[in-house]
Full PDB file with SEQRES, HELIX, SHEET, SSBOND, CRYST1, ORIGX, SCALE, CONECT and MASTER records, all heavy atoms in Angstrom:
SEQRES   1 A   32  PRO LEU ILE VAL ASN THR SER PRO ASP LYS LEU THR LEU          
SEQRES   2 A   32  SER ALA GLY LEU ALA SER LEU GLN GLY GLN HIS GLN THR          
SEQRES   3 A   32  ASN TYR PRO ILE LEU MET                                      
HELIX    1 AA1 PRO A    8  LYS A   10  5                                   3    
HELIX    2 AA2 LEU A   13  ALA A   18  1                                   6    
HELIX    3 AA3 TYR A   28  LEU A   31  1                                   4    
CRYST1    1.000    1.000    1.000  90.00  90.00  90.00 P 1           1          
ORIGX1      1.000000  0.000000  0.000000        0.00000                         
ORIGX2      0.000000  1.000000  0.000000        0.00000                         
ORIGX3      0.000000  0.000000  1.000000        0.00000                         
SCALE1      1.000000  0.000000  0.000000        0.00000                         
SCALE2      0.000000  1.000000  0.000000        0.00000                         
SCALE3      0.000000  0.000000  1.000000        0.00000                         
ATOM      1  N   PRO A   1     163.522  78.223-158.869  1.00  0.00           N  
ATOM      2  CA  PRO A   1     162.820  79.496-158.940  1.00  0.00           C  
ATOM      3  C   PRO A   1     161.484  79.412-159.728  1.00  0.00           C  
ATOM      4  O   PRO A   1     160.541  80.168-159.398  1.00  0.00           O  
ATOM      5  CB  PRO A   1     163.800  80.486-159.569  1.00  0.00           C  
ATOM      6  CG  PRO A   1     165.114  79.815-159.324  1.00  0.00           C  
ATOM      7  CD  PRO A   1     164.890  78.311-159.322  1.00  0.00           C  
ATOM      8  N   LEU A   2     161.441  78.661-160.791  1.00  0.00           N  
ATOM      9  CA  LEU A   2     160.180  78.578-161.445  1.00  0.00           C  
ATOM     10  C   LEU A   2     159.074  77.853-160.737  1.00  0.00           C  
ATOM     11  O   LEU A   2     157.911  78.148-160.926  1.00  0.00           O  
ATOM     12  CB  LEU A   2     160.441  77.810-162.828  1.00  0.00           C  
ATOM     13  CG  LEU A   2     161.177  78.616-163.952  1.00  0.00           C  
ATOM     14  CD1 LEU A   2     161.369  77.669-165.113  1.00  0.00           C  
ATOM     15  CD2 LEU A   2     160.342  79.892-164.359  1.00  0.00           C  
ATOM     16  N   ILE A   3     159.423  76.984-159.793  1.00  0.00           N  
ATOM     17  CA  ILE A   3     158.512  76.172-159.080  1.00  0.00           C  
ATOM     18  C   ILE A   3     157.859  77.019-157.925  1.00  0.00           C  
ATOM     19  O   ILE A   3     156.671  76.948-157.633  1.00  0.00           O  
ATOM     20  CB  ILE A   3     159.113  74.821-158.538  1.00  0.00           C  
ATOM     21  CG1 ILE A   3     159.392  73.921-159.678  1.00  0.00           C  
ATOM     22  CG2 ILE A   3     158.281  74.142-157.518  1.00  0.00           C  
ATOM     23  CD1 ILE A   3     160.141  72.680-159.336  1.00  0.00           C  
ATOM     24  N   VAL A   4     158.759  77.589-157.169  1.00  0.00           N  
ATOM     25  CA  VAL A   4     158.280  78.312-155.998  1.00  0.00           C  
ATOM     26  C   VAL A   4     157.833  79.672-156.151  1.00  0.00           C  
ATOM     27  O   VAL A   4     157.129  80.310-155.232  1.00  0.00           O  
ATOM     28  CB  VAL A   4     159.382  78.251-154.797  1.00  0.00           C  
ATOM     29  CG1 VAL A   4     159.688  76.864-154.461  1.00  0.00           C  
ATOM     30  CG2 VAL A   4     160.656  78.958-155.287  1.00  0.00           C  
ATOM     31  N   ASN A   5     158.168  80.329-157.268  1.00  0.00           N  
ATOM     32  CA  ASN A   5     157.906  81.724-157.490  1.00  0.00           C  
ATOM     33  C   ASN A   5     157.120  81.916-158.810  1.00  0.00           C  
ATOM     34  O   ASN A   5     157.584  81.513-159.830  1.00  0.00           O  
ATOM     35  CB  ASN A   5     159.102  82.642-157.496  1.00  0.00           C  
ATOM     36  CG  ASN A   5     159.712  82.854-156.112  1.00  0.00           C  
ATOM     37  OD1 ASN A   5     158.974  82.690-155.087  1.00  0.00           O  
ATOM     38  ND2 ASN A   5     160.912  83.232-156.026  1.00  0.00           N  
ATOM     39  N   THR A   6     155.992  82.666-158.737  1.00  0.00           N  
ATOM     40  CA  THR A   6     155.290  82.898-159.918  1.00  0.00           C  
ATOM     41  C   THR A   6     155.174  84.528-160.082  1.00  0.00           C  
ATOM     42  O   THR A   6     154.823  84.960-161.167  1.00  0.00           O  
ATOM     43  CB  THR A   6     153.880  82.454-159.869  1.00  0.00           C  
ATOM     44  OG1 THR A   6     153.232  82.918-158.747  1.00  0.00           O  
ATOM     45  CG2 THR A   6     153.885  80.886-159.900  1.00  0.00           C  
ATOM     46  N   SER A   7     155.522  85.263-159.056  1.00  0.00           N  
ATOM     47  CA  SER A   7     155.531  86.648-159.093  1.00  0.00           C  
ATOM     48  C   SER A   7     156.704  87.261-159.955  1.00  0.00           C  
ATOM     49  O   SER A   7     157.859  86.838-159.515  1.00  0.00           O  
ATOM     50  CB  SER A   7     155.539  87.238-157.790  1.00  0.00           C  
ATOM     51  OG  SER A   7     155.590  88.732-157.790  1.00  0.00           O  
ATOM     52  N   PRO A   8     156.546  88.082-160.926  1.00  0.00           N  
ATOM     53  CA  PRO A   8     157.697  88.627-161.688  1.00  0.00           C  
ATOM     54  C   PRO A   8     158.762  89.258-160.933  1.00  0.00           C  
ATOM     55  O   PRO A   8     159.972  89.220-161.190  1.00  0.00           O  
ATOM     56  CB  PRO A   8     157.035  89.483-162.687  1.00  0.00           C  
ATOM     57  CG  PRO A   8     155.557  89.044-162.844  1.00  0.00           C  
ATOM     58  CD  PRO A   8     155.331  88.532-161.442  1.00  0.00           C  
ATOM     59  N   ASP A   9     158.286  89.983-159.821  1.00  0.00           N  
ATOM     60  CA  ASP A   9     159.373  90.719-159.031  1.00  0.00           C  
ATOM     61  C   ASP A   9     160.147  89.812-158.117  1.00  0.00           C  
ATOM     62  O   ASP A   9     160.981  90.325-157.406  1.00  0.00           O  
ATOM     63  CB  ASP A   9     158.731  91.844-158.240  1.00  0.00           C  
ATOM     64  CG  ASP A   9     157.664  91.307-157.287  1.00  0.00           C  
ATOM     65  OD1 ASP A   9     157.142  90.145-157.386  1.00  0.00           O  
ATOM     66  OD2 ASP A   9     157.353  91.981-156.266  1.00  0.00           O  
ATOM     67  N   LYS A  10     159.884  88.459-158.063  1.00  0.00           N  
ATOM     68  CA  LYS A  10     160.699  87.603-157.214  1.00  0.00           C  
ATOM     69  C   LYS A  10     161.465  86.577-158.135  1.00  0.00           C  
ATOM     70  O   LYS A  10     161.993  85.669-157.504  1.00  0.00           O  
ATOM     71  CB  LYS A  10     159.706  86.839-156.304  1.00  0.00           C  
ATOM     72  CG  LYS A  10     158.906  87.740-155.278  1.00  0.00           C  
ATOM     73  CD  LYS A  10     159.805  88.549-154.430  1.00  0.00           C  
ATOM     74  CE  LYS A  10     159.042  89.465-153.400  1.00  0.00           C  
ATOM     75  NZ  LYS A  10     159.924  90.235-152.586  1.00  0.00           N  
ATOM     76  N   LEU A  11     161.489  86.718-159.352  1.00  0.00           N  
ATOM     77  CA  LEU A  11     162.142  85.754-160.194  1.00  0.00           C  
ATOM     78  C   LEU A  11     163.696  86.161-160.269  1.00  0.00           C  
ATOM     79  O   LEU A  11     164.094  87.263-160.007  1.00  0.00           O  
ATOM     80  CB  LEU A  11     161.653  85.780-161.616  1.00  0.00           C  
ATOM     81  CG  LEU A  11     160.179  85.212-161.813  1.00  0.00           C  
ATOM     82  CD1 LEU A  11     159.790  85.454-163.282  1.00  0.00           C  
ATOM     83  CD2 LEU A  11     160.071  83.816-161.418  1.00  0.00           C  
ATOM     84  N   THR A  12     164.522  85.111-160.551  1.00  0.00           N  
ATOM     85  CA  THR A  12     165.881  85.345-160.692  1.00  0.00           C  
ATOM     86  C   THR A  12     166.224  85.510-162.159  1.00  0.00           C  
ATOM     87  O   THR A  12     165.359  85.322-163.065  1.00  0.00           O  
ATOM     88  CB  THR A  12     166.695  84.160-160.164  1.00  0.00           C  
ATOM     89  OG1 THR A  12     166.250  82.959-160.783  1.00  0.00           O  
ATOM     90  CG2 THR A  12     166.534  84.052-158.677  1.00  0.00           C  
ATOM     91  N   LEU A  13     167.475  85.709-162.605  1.00  0.00           N  
ATOM     92  CA  LEU A  13     167.861  85.851-163.906  1.00  0.00           C  
ATOM     93  C   LEU A  13     167.491  84.653-164.854  1.00  0.00           C  
ATOM     94  O   LEU A  13     166.870  84.846-165.968  1.00  0.00           O  
ATOM     95  CB  LEU A  13     169.355  86.142-164.088  1.00  0.00           C  
ATOM     96  CG  LEU A  13     169.774  87.548-163.685  1.00  0.00           C  
ATOM     97  CD1 LEU A  13     171.266  87.629-163.685  1.00  0.00           C  
ATOM     98  CD2 LEU A  13     169.286  88.518-164.762  1.00  0.00           C  
ATOM     99  N   SER A  14     167.749  83.504-164.463  1.00  0.00           N  
ATOM    100  CA  SER A  14     167.511  82.330-165.271  1.00  0.00           C  
ATOM    101  C   SER A  14     166.053  82.092-165.515  1.00  0.00           C  
ATOM    102  O   SER A  14     165.615  81.849-166.667  1.00  0.00           O  
ATOM    103  CB  SER A  14     168.123  81.065-164.619  1.00  0.00           C  
ATOM    104  OG  SER A  14     169.525  81.085-164.469  1.00  0.00           O  
ATOM    105  N   ALA A  15     165.211  82.273-164.457  1.00  0.00           N  
ATOM    106  CA  ALA A  15     163.758  82.127-164.618  1.00  0.00           C  
ATOM    107  C   ALA A  15     163.229  83.265-165.423  1.00  0.00           C  
ATOM    108  O   ALA A  15     162.276  83.101-166.182  1.00  0.00           O  
ATOM    109  CB  ALA A  15     163.175  82.043-163.223  1.00  0.00           C  
ATOM    110  N   GLY A  16     163.735  84.499-165.218  1.00  0.00           N  
ATOM    111  CA  GLY A  16     163.263  85.668-165.991  1.00  0.00           C  
ATOM    112  C   GLY A  16     163.441  85.543-167.386  1.00  0.00           C  
ATOM    113  O   GLY A  16     162.657  85.936-168.186  1.00  0.00           O  
ATOM    114  N   LEU A  17     164.707  85.050-167.771  1.00  0.00           N  
ATOM    115  CA  LEU A  17     165.019  84.918-169.249  1.00  0.00           C  
ATOM    116  C   LEU A  17     164.129  83.827-169.821  1.00  0.00           C  
ATOM    117  O   LEU A  17     163.840  83.968-170.973  1.00  0.00           O  
ATOM    118  CB  LEU A  17     166.470  84.548-169.398  1.00  0.00           C  
ATOM    119  CG  LEU A  17     167.446  85.588-169.062  1.00  0.00           C  
ATOM    120  CD1 LEU A  17     168.925  84.985-169.150  1.00  0.00           C  
ATOM    121  CD2 LEU A  17     167.363  86.820-169.985  1.00  0.00           C  
ATOM    122  N   ALA A  18     163.652  82.841-169.070  1.00  0.00           N  
ATOM    123  CA  ALA A  18     162.793  81.842-169.680  1.00  0.00           C  
ATOM    124  C   ALA A  18     161.472  82.519-170.141  1.00  0.00           C  
ATOM    125  O   ALA A  18     160.806  81.878-171.035  1.00  0.00           O  
ATOM    126  CB  ALA A  18     162.496  80.746-168.574  1.00  0.00           C  
ATOM    127  N   SER A  19     161.066  83.586-169.566  1.00  0.00           N  
ATOM    128  CA  SER A  19     159.829  84.219-169.947  1.00  0.00           C  
ATOM    129  C   SER A  19     159.970  84.848-171.315  1.00  0.00           C  
ATOM    130  O   SER A  19     159.006  85.210-172.015  1.00  0.00           O  
ATOM    131  CB  SER A  19     159.446  85.337-168.987  1.00  0.00           C  
ATOM    132  OG  SER A  19     160.438  86.374-168.914  1.00  0.00           O  
ATOM    133  N   LEU A  20     161.218  84.927-171.857  1.00  0.00           N  
ATOM    134  CA  LEU A  20     161.338  85.492-173.189  1.00  0.00           C  
ATOM    135  C   LEU A  20     161.109  84.441-174.276  1.00  0.00           C  
ATOM    136  O   LEU A  20     161.021  84.837-175.485  1.00  0.00           O  
ATOM    137  CB  LEU A  20     162.790  86.088-173.415  1.00  0.00           C  
ATOM    138  CG  LEU A  20     163.173  87.249-172.522  1.00  0.00           C  
ATOM    139  CD1 LEU A  20     164.646  87.656-172.770  1.00  0.00           C  
ATOM    140  CD2 LEU A  20     162.348  88.479-172.951  1.00  0.00           C  
ATOM    141  N   GLN A  21     161.026  83.230-173.910  1.00  0.00           N  
ATOM    142  CA  GLN A  21     160.776  82.180-174.877  1.00  0.00           C  
ATOM    143  C   GLN A  21     159.256  82.028-175.102  1.00  0.00           C  
ATOM    144  O   GLN A  21     158.452  81.823-174.092  1.00  0.00           O  
ATOM    145  CB  GLN A  21     161.218  80.796-174.360  1.00  0.00           C  
ATOM    146  CG  GLN A  21     162.759  80.707-174.319  1.00  0.00           C  
ATOM    147  CD  GLN A  21     163.285  79.359-173.952  1.00  0.00           C  
ATOM    148  OE1 GLN A  21     162.750  78.727-173.043  1.00  0.00           O  
ATOM    149  NE2 GLN A  21     164.374  78.919-174.534  1.00  0.00           N  
ATOM    150  N   GLY A  22     158.737  82.279-176.361  1.00  0.00           N  
ATOM    151  CA  GLY A  22     157.348  82.213-176.690  1.00  0.00           C  
ATOM    152  C   GLY A  22     156.873  80.819-176.873  1.00  0.00           C  
ATOM    153  O   GLY A  22     157.663  79.870-177.149  1.00  0.00           O  
ATOM    154  N   GLN A  23     155.570  80.700-176.871  1.00  0.00           N  
ATOM    155  CA  GLN A  23     155.015  79.356-177.078  1.00  0.00           C  
ATOM    156  C   GLN A  23     155.189  78.878-178.436  1.00  0.00           C  
ATOM    157  O   GLN A  23     155.324  77.690-178.779  1.00  0.00           O  
ATOM    158  CB  GLN A  23     153.511  79.296-176.620  1.00  0.00           C  
ATOM    159  CG  GLN A  23     152.869  77.992-176.739  1.00  0.00           C  
ATOM    160  CD  GLN A  23     151.436  78.013-176.261  1.00  0.00           C  
ATOM    161  OE1 GLN A  23     150.894  79.033-175.791  1.00  0.00           O  
ATOM    162  NE2 GLN A  23     150.738  76.832-176.238  1.00  0.00           N  
ATOM    163  N   HIS A  24     155.027  79.745-179.467  1.00  0.00           N  
ATOM    164  CA  HIS A  24     155.014  79.358-180.878  1.00  0.00           C  
ATOM    165  C   HIS A  24     156.272  79.913-181.539  1.00  0.00           C  
ATOM    166  O   HIS A  24     156.733  79.457-182.493  1.00  0.00           O  
ATOM    167  CB  HIS A  24     153.811  79.869-181.590  1.00  0.00           C  
ATOM    168  CG  HIS A  24     152.511  79.397-181.002  1.00  0.00           C  
ATOM    169  ND1 HIS A  24     152.062  78.103-181.157  1.00  0.00           N  
ATOM    170  CD2 HIS A  24     151.511  80.090-180.234  1.00  0.00           C  
ATOM    171  CE1 HIS A  24     150.956  77.893-180.531  1.00  0.00           C  
ATOM    172  NE2 HIS A  24     150.632  79.076-179.965  1.00  0.00           N  
ATOM    173  N   GLN A  25     156.757  81.171-181.086  1.00  0.00           N  
ATOM    174  CA  GLN A  25     157.934  81.731-181.756  1.00  0.00           C  
ATOM    175  C   GLN A  25     158.784  82.378-180.615  1.00  0.00           C  
ATOM    176  O   GLN A  25     158.273  82.965-179.701  1.00  0.00           O  
ATOM    177  CB  GLN A  25     157.570  82.602-182.877  1.00  0.00           C  
ATOM    178  CG  GLN A  25     158.832  83.142-183.537  1.00  0.00           C  
ATOM    179  CD  GLN A  25     158.352  84.155-184.686  1.00  0.00           C  
ATOM    180  OE1 GLN A  25     157.223  84.617-184.697  1.00  0.00           O  
ATOM    181  NE2 GLN A  25     159.294  84.415-185.616  1.00  0.00           N  
ATOM    182  N   THR A  26     160.089  82.301-180.759  1.00  0.00           N  
ATOM    183  CA  THR A  26     161.002  83.016-179.827  1.00  0.00           C  
ATOM    184  C   THR A  26     161.876  84.004-180.608  1.00  0.00           C  
ATOM    185  O   THR A  26     162.491  83.544-181.605  1.00  0.00           O  
ATOM    186  CB  THR A  26     161.872  81.833-179.101  1.00  0.00           C  
ATOM    187  OG1 THR A  26     161.136  80.939-178.358  1.00  0.00           O  
ATOM    188  CG2 THR A  26     162.847  82.618-178.179  1.00  0.00           C  
ATOM    189  N   ASN A  27     162.050  85.157-180.078  1.00  0.00           N  
ATOM    190  CA  ASN A  27     162.850  86.133-180.601  1.00  0.00           C  
ATOM    191  C   ASN A  27     164.338  85.844-180.063  1.00  0.00           C  
ATOM    192  O   ASN A  27     164.704  86.360-179.021  1.00  0.00           O  
ATOM    193  CB  ASN A  27     162.403  87.535-180.248  1.00  0.00           C  
ATOM    194  CG  ASN A  27     163.181  88.599-181.036  1.00  0.00           C  
ATOM    195  OD1 ASN A  27     164.331  88.464-181.472  1.00  0.00           O  
ATOM    196  ND2 ASN A  27     162.448  89.728-181.291  1.00  0.00           N  
ATOM    197  N   TYR A  28     165.098  85.118-180.867  1.00  0.00           N  
ATOM    198  CA  TYR A  28     166.377  84.556-180.384  1.00  0.00           C  
ATOM    199  C   TYR A  28     167.340  85.735-180.128  1.00  0.00           C  
ATOM    200  O   TYR A  28     168.204  85.657-179.280  1.00  0.00           O  
ATOM    201  CB  TYR A  28     166.908  83.536-181.331  1.00  0.00           C  
ATOM    202  CG  TYR A  28     166.163  82.290-181.242  1.00  0.00           C  
ATOM    203  CD1 TYR A  28     165.223  81.896-182.175  1.00  0.00           C  
ATOM    204  CD2 TYR A  28     166.305  81.451-180.169  1.00  0.00           C  
ATOM    205  CE1 TYR A  28     164.545  80.757-182.114  1.00  0.00           C  
ATOM    206  CE2 TYR A  28     165.620  80.205-180.005  1.00  0.00           C  
ATOM    207  CZ  TYR A  28     164.695  79.903-181.072  1.00  0.00           C  
ATOM    208  OH  TYR A  28     163.974  78.681-180.967  1.00  0.00           O  
ATOM    209  N   PRO A  29     167.432  86.838-181.058  1.00  0.00           N  
ATOM    210  CA  PRO A  29     168.388  87.871-180.739  1.00  0.00           C  
ATOM    211  C   PRO A  29     168.088  88.550-179.468  1.00  0.00           C  
ATOM    212  O   PRO A  29     169.038  88.871-178.627  1.00  0.00           O  
ATOM    213  CB  PRO A  29     168.108  88.858-181.918  1.00  0.00           C  
ATOM    214  CG  PRO A  29     167.703  87.930-183.074  1.00  0.00           C  
ATOM    215  CD  PRO A  29     166.830  86.921-182.399  1.00  0.00           C  
ATOM    216  N   ILE A  30     166.780  88.728-179.045  1.00  0.00           N  
ATOM    217  CA  ILE A  30     166.528  89.318-177.763  1.00  0.00           C  
ATOM    218  C   ILE A  30     166.908  88.362-176.611  1.00  0.00           C  
ATOM    219  O   ILE A  30     167.434  88.764-175.604  1.00  0.00           O  
ATOM    220  CB  ILE A  30     165.012  89.677-177.618  1.00  0.00           C  
ATOM    221  CG1 ILE A  30     164.613  90.664-178.819  1.00  0.00           C  
ATOM    222  CG2 ILE A  30     164.592  90.291-176.264  1.00  0.00           C  
ATOM    223  CD1 ILE A  30     165.326  91.959-178.736  1.00  0.00           C  
ATOM    224  N   LEU A  31     166.594  87.120-176.828  1.00  0.00           N  
ATOM    225  CA  LEU A  31     166.953  86.091-175.722  1.00  0.00           C  
ATOM    226  C   LEU A  31     168.449  85.975-175.576  1.00  0.00           C  
ATOM    227  O   LEU A  31     168.893  85.901-174.451  1.00  0.00           O  
ATOM    228  CB  LEU A  31     166.371  84.729-176.261  1.00  0.00           C  
ATOM    229  CG  LEU A  31     166.649  83.541-175.232  1.00  0.00           C  
ATOM    230  CD1 LEU A  31     166.066  83.853-173.852  1.00  0.00           C  
ATOM    231  CD2 LEU A  31     166.098  82.260-175.766  1.00  0.00           C  
ATOM    232  N   MET A  32     169.166  86.015-176.710  1.00  0.00           N  
ATOM    233  CA  MET A  32     170.602  86.049-176.554  1.00  0.00           C  
ATOM    234  C   MET A  32     171.218  87.289-175.985  1.00  0.00           C  
ATOM    235  O   MET A  32     172.170  87.269-175.151  1.00  0.00           O  
ATOM    236  CB  MET A  32     171.229  85.745-177.891  1.00  0.00           C  
ATOM    237  CG  MET A  32     171.022  84.421-178.486  1.00  0.00           C  
ATOM    238  SD  MET A  32     171.665  83.021-177.584  1.00  0.00           S  
ATOM    239  CE  MET A  32     170.078  82.422-176.798  1.00  0.00           C  
TER     240      MET A  32                                                      
MASTER        0    0    0    3    0    0    0    6  239    1    0    3          
END                                                                             
């Protein structure tokens, strides 16, 4: 899903949750 889709409205749960991971810091309670 990350390879073939870049549009947010076409992402699946796994790919969508990956967007919660920040480049420098991740809010782990929100991610969990």
